[in-house]
PDB file of N, CA and C in Angstrom:
ATOM      1  N   UNK A   1      95.557 112.305 128.470  1.00  0.00           N
ATOM      2  CA  UNK A   1      96.277 111.752 127.131  1.00  0.00           C
ATOM      3  C   UNK A   1      97.093 112.655 127.025  1.00  0.00           C
ATOM      4  N   UNK A   2      98.467 111.900 126.768  1.00  0.00           N
ATOM      5  CA  UNK A   2      99.584 112.088 126.020  1.00  0.00           C
ATOM      6  C   UNK A   2      99.533 112.647 124.615  1.00  0.00           C
ATOM      7  N   UNK A   3     100.106 113.604 124.449  1.00  0.00           N
ATOM      8  CA  UNK A   3      99.971 114.038 123.026  1.00  0.00           C
ATOM      9  C   UNK A   3     100.693 113.306 121.926  1.00  0.00           C
ATOM     10  N   UNK A   4      99.913 112.661 120.771  1.00  0.00           N
ATOM     11  CA  UNK A   4     101.201 111.900 119.543  1.00  0.00           C
ATOM     12  C   UNK A   4     102.325 112.852 119.574  1.00  0.00           C
ATOM     13  N   UNK A   5     102.681 114.166 119.104  1.00  0.00           N
ATOM     14  CA  UNK A   5     103.477 114.390 119.168  1.00  0.00           C
ATOM     15  C   UNK A   5     105.011 114.875 119.925  1.00  0.00           C
ATOM     16  N   UNK A   6     104.309 115.113 120.754  1.00  0.00           N
ATOM     17  CA  UNK A   6     106.042 115.334 121.575  1.00  0.00           C
ATOM     18  C   UNK A   6     105.883 114.308 123.312  1.00  0.00           C
ATOM     19  N   UNK A   7     104.526 113.448 123.114  1.00  0.00           N
ATOM     20  CA  UNK A   7     104.341 113.237 124.476  1.00  0.00           C
ATOM     21  C   UNK A   7     103.970 114.173 125.619  1.00  0.00           C
ATOM     22  N   UNK A   8     103.555 115.007 125.544  1.00  0.00           N
ATOM     23  CA  UNK A   8     103.227 115.916 126.337  1.00  0.00           C
ATOM     24  C   UNK A   8     101.901 115.686 126.842  1.00  0.00           C
ATOM     25  N   UNK A   9     100.776 116.841 127.822  1.00  0.00           N
ATOM     26  CA  UNK A   9     100.035 116.521 128.689  1.00  0.00           C
ATOM     27  C   UNK A   9      98.958 117.295 127.615  1.00  0.00           C
ATOM     28  N   UNK A  10      97.738 116.190 127.641  1.00  0.00           N
ATOM     29  CA  UNK A  10      97.032 117.226 126.270  1.00  0.00           C
ATOM     30  C   UNK A  10      95.624 117.853 127.551  1.00  0.00           C
ATOM     31  N   UNK A  11      94.807 118.906 128.175  1.00  0.00           N
ATOM     32  CA  UNK A  11      93.741 119.733 128.239  1.00  0.00           C
ATOM     33  C   UNK A  11      92.584 119.103 126.749  1.00  0.00           C
ATOM     34  N   UNK A  12      91.703 119.084 127.539  1.00  0.00           N
ATOM     35  CA  UNK A  12      90.455 119.819 126.818  1.00  0.00           C
ATOM     36  C   UNK A  12      89.834 120.840 125.862  1.00  0.00           C
ATOM     37  N   UNK A  13      89.753 121.375 125.276  1.00  0.00           N
ATOM     38  CA  UNK A  13      90.055 123.210 125.255  1.00  0.00           C
ATOM     39  C   UNK A  13      88.459 123.345 124.237  1.00  0.00           C
ATOM     40  N   UNK A  14      87.239 123.839 124.961  1.00  0.00           N
ATOM     41  CA  UNK A  14      86.044 124.460 123.974  1.00  0.00           C
ATOM     42  C   UNK A  14      86.280 125.432 123.114  1.00  0.00           C
ATOM     43  N   UNK A  15      85.970 125.418 121.547  1.00  0.00           N
ATOM     44  CA  UNK A  15      86.464 126.218 120.674  1.00  0.00           C
ATOM     45  C   UNK A  15      84.728 126.510 119.807  1.00  0.00           C
ATOM     46  N   UNK A  16      84.894 126.947 119.341  1.00  0.00           N
ATOM     47  CA  UNK A  16      84.123 127.461 118.196  1.00  0.00           C
ATOM     48  C   UNK A  16      84.094 127.430 117.036  1.00  0.00           C
ATOM     49  N   UNK A  17      83.485 126.373 115.629  1.00  0.00           N
ATOM     50  CA  UNK A  17      84.286 126.933 114.517  1.00  0.00           C
ATOM     51  C   UNK A  17      82.323 127.794 114.194  1.00  0.00           C
ATOM     52  N   UNK A  18      82.402 129.001 113.155  1.00  0.00           N
ATOM     53  CA  UNK A  18      81.324 130.059 113.374  1.00  0.00           C
ATOM     54  C   UNK A  18      80.821 130.065 114.641  1.00  0.00           C
ATOM     55  N   UNK A  19      79.552 129.417 113.948  1.00  0.00           N
ATOM     56  CA  UNK A  19      78.537 128.854 115.629  1.00  0.00           C
ATOM     57  C   UNK A  19      78.811 127.447 116.149  1.00  0.00           C
ATOM     58  N   UNK A  20      79.164 126.933 115.519  1.00  0.00           N
ATOM     59  CA  UNK A  20      78.962 125.217 115.816  1.00  0.00           C
ATOM     60  C   UNK A  20      80.291 125.501 117.656  1.00  0.00           C
ATOM     61  N   UNK A  21      80.063 125.142 118.848  1.00  0.00           N
ATOM     62  CA  UNK A  21      81.339 125.106 119.798  1.00  0.00           C
ATOM     63  C   UNK A  21      80.913 123.561 119.753  1.00  0.00           C
ATOM     64  N   UNK A  22      82.747 122.932 119.792  1.00  0.00           N
ATOM     65  CA  UNK A  22      83.161 121.913 119.861  1.00  0.00           C
ATOM     66  C   UNK A  22      84.028 121.543 121.088  1.00  0.00           C
ATOM     67  N   UNK A  23      84.452 120.495 121.912  1.00  0.00           N
ATOM     68  CA  UNK A  23      86.181 120.502 122.419  1.00  0.00           C
ATOM     69  C   UNK A  23      87.007 119.537 121.105  1.00  0.00           C
ATOM     70  N   UNK A  24      88.028 120.116 121.741  1.00  0.00           N
ATOM     71  CA  UNK A  24      89.143 119.532 121.356  1.00  0.00           C
ATOM     72  C   UNK A  24      90.443 119.273 121.786  1.00  0.00           C
ATOM     73  N   UNK A  25      91.024 118.395 121.907  1.00  0.00           N
ATOM     74  CA  UNK A  25      92.359 118.456 123.094  1.00  0.00           C
ATOM     75  C   UNK A  25      93.759 119.596 122.278  1.00  0.00           C
ATOM     76  N   UNK A  26      93.883 119.732 123.681  1.00  0.00           N
ATOM     77  CA  UNK A  26      95.457 121.345 122.908  1.00  0.00           C
ATOM     78  C   UNK A  26      96.567 120.318 123.924  1.00  0.00           C
ATOM     79  N   UNK A  27      97.891 119.832 123.564  1.00  0.00           N
ATOM     80  CA  UNK A  27      99.002 119.786 123.887  1.00  0.00           C
ATOM     81  C   UNK A  27      99.492 121.689 124.156  1.00  0.00           C
ATOM     82  N   UNK A  28     100.123 121.433 125.834  1.00  0.00           N
ATOM     83  CA  UNK A  28     100.664 122.462 126.461  1.00  0.00           C
ATOM     84  C   UNK A  28     101.748 122.996 126.598  1.00  0.00           C
ATOM     85  N   UNK A  29     102.585 121.383 125.602  1.00  0.00           N
ATOM     86  CA  UNK A  29     103.960 121.480 125.120  1.00  0.00           C
ATOM     87  C   UNK A  29     104.110 122.385 124.105  1.00  0.00           C
ATOM     88  N   UNK A  30     103.424 121.984 122.944  1.00  0.00           N
ATOM     89  CA  UNK A  30     104.229 121.731 121.475  1.00  0.00           C
ATOM     90  C   UNK A  30     102.745 123.068 120.780  1.00  0.00           C
ATOM     91  N   UNK A  31     101.478 122.745 121.351  1.00  0.00           N
ATOM     92  CA  UNK A  31     100.203 122.784 120.771  1.00  0.00           C
ATOM     93  C   UNK A  31      99.031 122.357 120.085  1.00  0.00           C
ATOM     94  N   UNK A  32      99.916 121.848 120.038  1.00  0.00           N
ATOM     95  CA  UNK A  32      99.421 120.280 119.109  1.00  0.00           C
ATOM     96  C   UNK A  32      98.091 120.842 118.478  1.00  0.00           C
ATOM     97  N   UNK A  33      97.011 121.064 118.564  1.00  0.00           N
ATOM     98  CA  UNK A  33      95.876 120.167 118.688  1.00  0.00           C
ATOM     99  C   UNK A  33      94.712 119.480 117.634  1.00  0.00           C
ATOM    100  N   UNK A  34      94.532 118.632 118.697  1.00  0.00           N
ATOM    101  CA  UNK A  34      93.594 116.831 117.971  1.00  0.00           C
ATOM    102  C   UNK A  34      91.879 117.313 118.525  1.00  0.00           C
ATOM    103  N   UNK A  35      91.310 116.675 117.256  1.00  0.00           N
ATOM    104  CA  UNK A  35      89.962 116.565 117.338  1.00  0.00           C
ATOM    105  C   UNK A  35      88.895 115.303 116.515  1.00  0.00           C
ATOM    106  N   UNK A  36      88.536 114.894 116.962  1.00  0.00           N
ATOM    107  CA  UNK A  36      87.069 114.336 116.874  1.00  0.00           C
ATOM    108  C   UNK A  36      87.905 114.082 114.799  1.00  0.00           C
ATOM    109  N   UNK A  37      87.356 114.897 113.773  1.00  0.00           N
ATOM    110  CA  UNK A  37      86.859 114.936 112.619  1.00  0.00           C
ATOM    111  C   UNK A  37      89.202 114.360 112.073  1.00  0.00           C
ATOM    112  N   UNK A  38      90.174 115.047 113.066  1.00  0.00           N
ATOM    113  CA  UNK A  38      91.292 115.020 112.739  1.00  0.00           C
ATOM    114  C   UNK A  38      91.688 113.454 112.751  1.00  0.00           C
ATOM    115  N   UNK A  39      90.902 112.607 114.618  1.00  0.00           N
ATOM    116  CA  UNK A  39      91.150 111.395 114.159  1.00  0.00           C
ATOM    117  C   UNK A  39      90.800 110.231 113.783  1.00  0.00           C
ATOM    118  N   UNK A  40      89.551 110.491 112.841  1.00  0.00           N
ATOM    119  CA  UNK A  40      88.644 110.082 111.664  1.00  0.00           C
ATOM    120  C   UNK A  40      89.794 109.838 110.251  1.00  0.00           C
ATOM    121  N   UNK A  41      89.918 111.265 110.514  1.00  0.00           N
ATOM    122  CA  UNK A  41      90.717 111.510 109.200  1.00  0.00           C
ATOM    123  C   UNK A  41      92.474 110.207 108.744  1.00  0.00           C
ATOM    124  N   UNK A  42      93.079 110.641 110.005  1.00  0.00           N
ATOM    125  CA  UNK A  42      94.203 109.597 110.661  1.00  0.00           C
ATOM    126  C   UNK A  42      93.688 108.006 110.844  1.00  0.00           C
ATOM    127  N   UNK A  43      92.874 107.916 110.763  1.00  0.00           N
ATOM    128  CA  UNK A  43      92.346 106.261 110.445  1.00  0.00           C
ATOM    129  C   UNK A  43      91.968 105.727 109.307  1.00  0.00           C
ATOM    130  N   UNK A  44      91.591 106.910 108.418  1.00  0.00           N
ATOM    131  CA  UNK A  44      91.280 106.775 107.325  1.00  0.00           C
ATOM    132  C   UNK A  44      92.512 106.175 105.839  1.00  0.00           C
ATOM    133  N   UNK A  45      93.270 107.139 106.546  1.00  0.00           N
ATOM    134  CA  UNK A  45      94.471 107.501 106.136  1.00  0.00           C
ATOM    135  C   UNK A  45      95.341 106.348 106.026  1.00  0.00           C
ATOM    136  N   UNK A  46      95.821 105.814 104.588  1.00  0.00           N
ATOM    137  CA  UNK A  46      97.004 105.018 105.020  1.00  0.00           C
ATOM    138  C   UNK A  46      98.581 105.318 105.171  1.00  0.00           C
ATOM    139  N   UNK A  47      99.567 104.211 105.792  1.00  0.00           N
ATOM    140  CA  UNK A  47     100.798 104.680 106.504  1.00  0.00           C
ATOM    141  C   UNK A  47     101.466 105.297 104.926  1.00  0.00           C
ATOM    142  N   UNK A  48     102.085 105.952 105.692  1.00  0.00           N
ATOM    143  CA  UNK A  48     103.634 106.996 104.539  1.00  0.00           C
ATOM    144  C   UNK A  48     104.417 105.993 104.033  1.00  0.00           C
ATOM    145  N   UNK A  49     104.946 104.802 105.188  1.00  0.00           N
ATOM    146  CA  UNK A  49     105.540 103.612 104.751  1.00  0.00           C
ATOM    147  C   UNK A  49     105.132 102.677 105.117  1.00  0.00           C
ATOM    148  N   UNK A  50     105.733 101.230 104.567  1.00  0.00           N
ATOM    149  CA  UNK A  50     105.958 100.099 105.089  1.00  0.00           C
ATOM    150  C   UNK A  50     106.983 100.379 106.147  1.00  0.00           C
ATOM    151  N   UNK A  51     106.771  99.379 107.442  1.00  0.00           N
ATOM    152  CA  UNK A  51     108.388  99.041 108.407  1.00  0.00           C
ATOM    153  C   UNK A  51     109.036  97.993 107.325  1.00  0.00           C
ATOM    154  N   UNK A  52     110.093  97.837 108.659  1.00  0.00           N
ATOM    155  CA  UNK A  52     111.394  97.987 107.234  1.00  0.00           C
ATOM    156  C   UNK A  52     111.118  96.533 107.690  1.00  0.00           C
ATOM    157  N   UNK A  53     111.449  95.026 107.591  1.00  0.00           N
ATOM    158  CA  UNK A  53     110.791  93.743 106.847  1.00  0.00           C
ATOM    159  C   UNK A  53     109.511  93.249 106.482  1.00  0.00           C
ATOM    160  N   UNK A  54     108.963  94.322 106.621  1.00  0.00           N
ATOM    161  CA  UNK A  54     107.405  93.352 106.737  1.00  0.00           C
ATOM    162  C   UNK A  54     106.999  93.559 105.048  1.00  0.00           C
ATOM    163  N   UNK A  55     107.213  92.433 104.936  1.00  0.00           N
ATOM    164  CA  UNK A  55     106.417  92.044 103.626  1.00  0.00           C
ATOM    165  C   UNK A  55     105.865  90.745 103.242  1.00  0.00           C
TER     166      UNK A  55
END
């Protein structure tokens, strides 16, 4: 998987939140972390701006 921030290589890392373990994608270059909750929230949010020329 490529990092959406820097296009770098991402790897799966197992982390835990208190006692609940889960897996996240972690970027080797910039350190960005992406998990299922982040992906779901990004899909729900609307774009910050409209592309030029779309009317």
